[in-house]
Every structure is written in structure tokens, then in C-alpha cells.
Amino acid sequence: MHLPPPPPCTWEDVDELLLVGAETDLRAGYAPLPTLAAFAGDHLVALCVLRPFDARGPVPALVEVLALLLPCGVDRLALLLPGRAWSLDDPIPPVCEDGDLRARVVVVVRADGTRRPCRPLTRVLSVDSGPDGDLDLDRTCRIPDTTEVAAPVVDAVRILLDERDGLGGAAEAGALVAQLGRVVLLGHELTLSPELTDRLTLASAV
């Protein structure tokens, strides 16, 4: 098993890690990739670009990856997602045959499962078009970091972290290796810390 390690990063700096990646995607002309950073305490143990979503949205893809990571001691999560936003005063989203007029945004959800109950916090940053036509993130345009947001993916992160102790039975070596295989086959792009890679390599050899 040869998976590259994630870059060095602390929990305090994880927003910057995710946003730098989003800006790189934007400058290359792509929508930012949905990316999950998973920590055990202050140690980044996994970085994952989630597989493409279907009509059900990001929750199934997130659950697939966390079925592997939560039994491995992960207790903090940061998730970056691309999205669209519009005014709450507009009763109908401004989407029609001529195009989508909703503002492009990037959403970062942080959830610290070491504090229970877990209360995920959300940042929303707008995607601006500069004078040269390049897209960039406006880091001054966001809802407050202390805002709690009601959304299926936020609820899923909260529930999974709060209930992670119940996943102890899935931590058997064979189950972890099998789930890693599923994650890769489903199309997730995963990097793991050397410690977690060694643990799974040892498990696969048993």
C-alpha cells in the first residue's frame, strides 16, 4: 500500500490549507473540488477529494469516507464544498433556461468532535471575478465563524462525530482494509498519514 501523506497542517490552519487548494482550482478554470481534512486531535491524518456527487448530494460520499476514518480515531473534520447562494428575500432561486444567476461560493464546515455536543461552524466565501477575468475567493465576504447552519451535510457531520463511539466494532483490521478498498473503488482520492498507512498495511498483511 503506497498512499502519499497529506501536507503538514494543524487544526488551526486547516481553513488556509483548504482555501489555498480552492484558489488553485479556480485559477486553473475549475470549480473547487470537494475536499475533506480529517484530524485525530491536532494531527492531520487524512486528506480526501470526495468522489463526484449524485442527486443525493455530498452526504453519501462523506459517509463512505468517514466509515473508514472515524474508527481510526478521527475526531475533527473540515470540509470544503463549492456551492451557489442567493438572497433569502428572493422566494425563487434565480435559475432559468438562460442561466444560473446565483452567486458562486465556497463553503467551509469545521466540526470539533472533541467537544460534545459537536457544533459545526460554517464559513461562506464568495467567488469573485477579478479585472483580468480570473476567479478568486473574497475572504472578507462570509457569515460569522460562530454561525450554526442547518443543512443536511452539516447535520451529517455533527451526528457522525457525536456518535462515532458506536463505530468501535467496525475498527477490526479486516473491516478497515475492506472499507479502504471501497473508498478507492468509488472514486475518492485519498492521502493518509504515515501512521495510518502503516496501520492499514499491517492489517492487510494479517
Protein backbone atom coordinates (compact mmCIF):
# COMPACT_ATOMS: atom_id res chain seq x y z
CA MET A 1 0.00 0.00 0.00
CA HIS A 2 1.56 3.30 -1.10
CA LEU A 3 -0.60 6.34 -0.39
CA PRO A 4 1.06 9.78 -0.32
CA PRO A 5 0.90 11.59 3.04
CA PRO A 6 -1.13 14.79 3.46
CA PRO A 7 0.81 18.07 3.81
CA PRO A 8 1.78 19.25 7.31
CA CYS A 9 -1.13 21.15 8.86
CA THR A 10 -2.54 21.95 12.29
CA TRP A 11 -6.23 22.21 13.15
CA GLU A 12 -5.89 25.98 13.47
CA ASP A 13 -4.50 26.24 9.92
CA VAL A 14 -6.85 23.83 8.15
CA ASP A 15 -9.04 26.58 6.63
CA GLU A 16 -6.00 28.03 4.91
CA LEU A 17 -4.99 24.61 3.56
CA LEU A 18 -8.45 24.05 2.04
CA LEU A 19 -8.83 27.58 0.68
CA VAL A 20 -5.43 27.57 -1.00
CA GLY A 21 -6.48 24.41 -2.80
CA ALA A 22 -9.78 26.03 -3.83
CA GLU A 23 -8.00 29.10 -5.20
CA THR A 24 -5.62 26.89 -7.17
CA ASP A 25 -8.62 25.14 -8.77
CA LEU A 26 -10.31 28.46 -9.57
CA ARG A 27 -7.22 29.93 -11.22
CA ALA A 28 -6.94 26.78 -13.33
CA GLY A 29 -10.52 27.36 -14.53
CA TYR A 30 -12.20 24.63 -12.47
CA ALA A 31 -14.81 24.59 -9.74
CA PRO A 32 -13.15 23.92 -6.37
CA LEU A 33 -13.05 20.22 -5.59
CA PRO A 34 -15.00 19.00 -2.54
CA THR A 35 -12.27 18.24 -0.02
CA LEU A 36 -12.30 16.69 3.45
CA ALA A 37 -9.50 17.13 6.01
CA ALA A 38 -9.65 14.68 8.92
CA PHE A 39 -7.76 15.10 12.19
CA ALA A 40 -7.03 12.99 15.23
CA GLY A 41 -6.57 15.71 17.81
CA ASP A 42 -4.22 18.24 16.21
CA HIS A 43 -2.71 15.74 13.76
CA LEU A 44 -3.91 15.69 10.15
CA VAL A 45 -4.34 12.00 9.34
CA ALA A 46 -6.22 12.13 6.03
CA LEU A 47 -6.98 14.48 3.17
CA CYS A 48 -9.60 13.36 0.67
CA VAL A 49 -11.07 14.76 -2.53
CA LEU A 50 -14.57 13.32 -2.47
CA ARG A 51 -15.96 11.44 -5.46
CA PRO A 52 -18.48 13.22 -7.74
CA PHE A 53 -21.88 13.59 -6.11
CA ASP A 54 -25.15 12.20 -7.44
CA ALA A 55 -28.62 13.69 -6.97
CA ARG A 56 -28.43 12.93 -3.23
CA GLY A 57 -25.66 15.47 -2.72
CA PRO A 58 -22.49 15.19 -0.62
CA VAL A 59 -23.80 13.20 2.36
CA PRO A 60 -23.45 9.65 0.91
CA ALA A 61 -19.89 10.38 -0.29
CA LEU A 62 -19.00 11.81 3.11
CA VAL A 63 -20.39 8.77 4.93
CA GLU A 64 -18.37 6.41 2.71
CA VAL A 65 -15.09 8.06 3.67
CA LEU A 66 -15.93 8.53 7.35
CA ALA A 67 -16.86 4.85 7.66
CA LEU A 68 -13.11 4.31 7.20
CA LEU A 69 -11.73 7.30 9.12
CA LEU A 70 -13.89 7.57 12.25
CA PRO A 71 -12.94 4.10 13.58
CA CYS A 72 -9.30 5.17 13.12
CA GLY A 73 -9.53 7.84 15.80
CA VAL A 74 -10.61 10.85 13.74
CA ASP A 75 -12.38 13.42 15.92
CA ARG A 76 -12.12 16.71 13.97
CA LEU A 77 -13.29 17.40 10.43
CA ALA A 78 -13.04 20.28 7.99
CA LEU A 79 -14.99 20.08 4.74
CA LEU A 80 -14.80 22.42 1.73
CA LEU A 81 -17.62 22.40 -0.81
CA PRO A 82 -18.39 24.55 -3.86
CA GLY A 83 -21.91 25.94 -4.00
CA ARG A 84 -24.35 28.63 -5.05
CA ALA A 85 -26.04 31.28 -2.91
CA TRP A 86 -28.88 33.76 -3.34
CA SER A 87 -30.76 36.27 -1.24
CA LEU A 88 -33.20 34.93 1.33
CA ASP A 89 -35.51 37.76 0.23
CA ASP A 90 -35.85 36.10 -3.18
CA PRO A 91 -38.65 33.48 -2.91
CA ILE A 92 -37.42 31.64 -6.02
CA PRO A 93 -33.77 30.80 -6.77
CA PRO A 94 -32.68 32.87 -9.83
CA VAL A 95 -32.19 29.94 -12.19
CA CYS A 96 -33.81 29.75 -15.63
CA GLU A 97 -33.22 28.49 -19.15
CA ASP A 98 -30.89 31.41 -19.82
CA GLY A 99 -28.54 30.56 -16.99
CA ASP A 100 -27.86 30.37 -13.28
CA LEU A 101 -27.68 33.83 -11.67
CA ARG A 102 -26.98 32.57 -8.18
CA ALA A 103 -23.67 33.73 -6.71
CA ARG A 104 -20.83 31.22 -6.74
CA VAL A 105 -19.50 30.49 -3.27
CA VAL A 106 -17.18 28.18 -1.38
CA VAL A 107 -18.39 26.75 1.93
CA VAL A 108 -16.07 25.54 4.70
CA VAL A 109 -17.58 23.47 7.52
CA ARG A 110 -15.44 22.86 10.62
CA ALA A 111 -16.51 20.37 13.28
CA ASP A 112 -14.63 19.67 16.50
CA GLY A 113 -15.80 16.34 17.88
CA THR A 114 -13.59 16.66 20.97
CA ARG A 115 -16.32 18.95 22.31
CA ARG A 116 -19.72 17.36 22.80
CA PRO A 117 -22.26 18.00 21.59
CA CYS A 118 -20.40 18.85 18.40
CA ARG A 119 -21.49 22.20 16.89
CA PRO A 120 -20.18 22.56 13.33
CA LEU A 121 -19.29 26.11 12.29
CA THR A 122 -19.60 27.35 8.72
CA ARG A 123 -17.85 29.97 6.59
CA VAL A 124 -19.25 31.09 3.24
CA LEU A 125 -16.86 32.89 0.88
CA SER A 126 -17.87 34.41 -2.43
CA VAL A 127 -16.12 33.63 -5.70
CA ASP A 128 -15.26 36.92 -7.40
CA SER A 129 -14.20 37.64 -10.96
CA GLY A 130 -11.20 39.98 -11.00
CA PRO A 131 -10.44 42.66 -13.60
CA ASP A 132 -8.36 40.19 -15.62
CA GLY A 133 -11.19 37.66 -15.63
CA ASP A 134 -9.56 35.34 -13.10
CA LEU A 135 -11.74 33.92 -10.36
CA ASP A 136 -10.67 34.27 -6.75
CA LEU A 137 -12.12 33.97 -3.26
CA ASP A 138 -13.30 37.05 -1.41
CA ARG A 139 -12.23 36.16 2.11
CA THR A 140 -13.90 39.25 3.56
CA CYS A 141 -17.37 38.13 2.43
CA ARG A 142 -18.57 35.48 4.83
CA ILE A 143 -21.08 34.75 7.55
CA PRO A 144 -19.59 34.89 11.08
CA ASP A 145 -17.45 31.93 12.12
CA THR A 146 -19.75 31.36 15.10
CA THR A 147 -22.83 30.80 12.96
CA GLU A 148 -24.51 27.40 13.15
CA VAL A 149 -26.11 26.42 9.83
CA ALA A 150 -28.96 23.97 9.28
CA ALA A 151 -28.12 21.81 6.24
CA PRO A 152 -28.08 18.04 5.59
CA VAL A 153 -24.30 17.84 5.25
CA VAL A 154 -23.75 19.87 8.43
CA ASP A 155 -26.22 17.66 10.31
CA ALA A 156 -24.45 14.56 8.99
CA VAL A 157 -21.05 15.77 10.19
CA ARG A 158 -22.46 16.58 13.65
CA ILE A 159 -24.25 13.25 14.06
CA LEU A 160 -21.32 11.15 12.81
CA LEU A 161 -18.87 12.83 15.17
CA ASP A 162 -21.20 12.68 18.17
CA GLU A 163 -21.98 9.00 17.55
CA ARG A 164 -18.51 7.86 16.49
CA ASP A 165 -18.00 5.77 19.65
CA GLY A 166 -20.68 3.42 18.35
CA LEU A 167 -18.46 2.54 15.38
CA GLY A 168 -15.96 0.67 17.52
CA GLY A 169 -16.98 -2.72 16.14
CA ALA A 170 -16.06 -1.58 12.62
CA ALA A 171 -12.45 -1.00 13.71
CA GLU A 172 -11.45 -4.63 13.14
CA ALA A 173 -8.49 -4.91 10.79
CA GLY A 174 -10.32 -6.72 8.02
CA ALA A 175 -13.23 -4.30 8.02
CA LEU A 176 -10.93 -1.28 7.77
CA VAL A 177 -8.99 -2.73 4.84
CA ALA A 178 -12.23 -3.65 3.06
CA GLN A 179 -13.61 -0.14 3.56
CA LEU A 180 -10.39 1.40 2.22
CA GLY A 181 -10.84 -0.69 -0.92
CA ARG A 182 -14.43 0.55 -1.28
CA VAL A 183 -13.35 4.16 -0.85
CA VAL A 184 -10.76 3.87 -3.60
CA LEU A 185 -13.06 1.95 -5.97
CA LEU A 186 -15.85 4.51 -5.50
CA GLY A 187 -13.54 7.22 -6.82
CA HIS A 188 -12.41 9.11 -3.72
CA GLU A 189 -8.83 10.44 -3.90
CA LEU A 190 -7.27 9.79 -0.52
CA THR A 191 -3.98 10.61 1.18
CA LEU A 192 -3.18 9.18 4.61
CA SER A 193 -0.66 9.94 7.33
CA PRO A 194 2.28 7.51 7.55
CA GLU A 195 0.92 6.20 10.86
CA LEU A 196 -2.49 5.39 9.42
CA THR A 197 -0.94 3.93 6.27
CA ASP A 198 1.25 1.66 8.40
CA ARG A 199 -1.78 0.57 10.44
CA LEU A 200 -3.76 -0.38 7.35
CA THR A 201 -0.75 -2.03 5.70
CA LEU A 202 -0.23 -4.18 8.77
CA ALA A 203 -3.93 -5.03 8.83
CA SER A 204 -3.90 -6.06 5.16
CA ALA A 205 -0.99 -8.40 5.85
CA VAL A 206 -2.79 -10.23 8.65
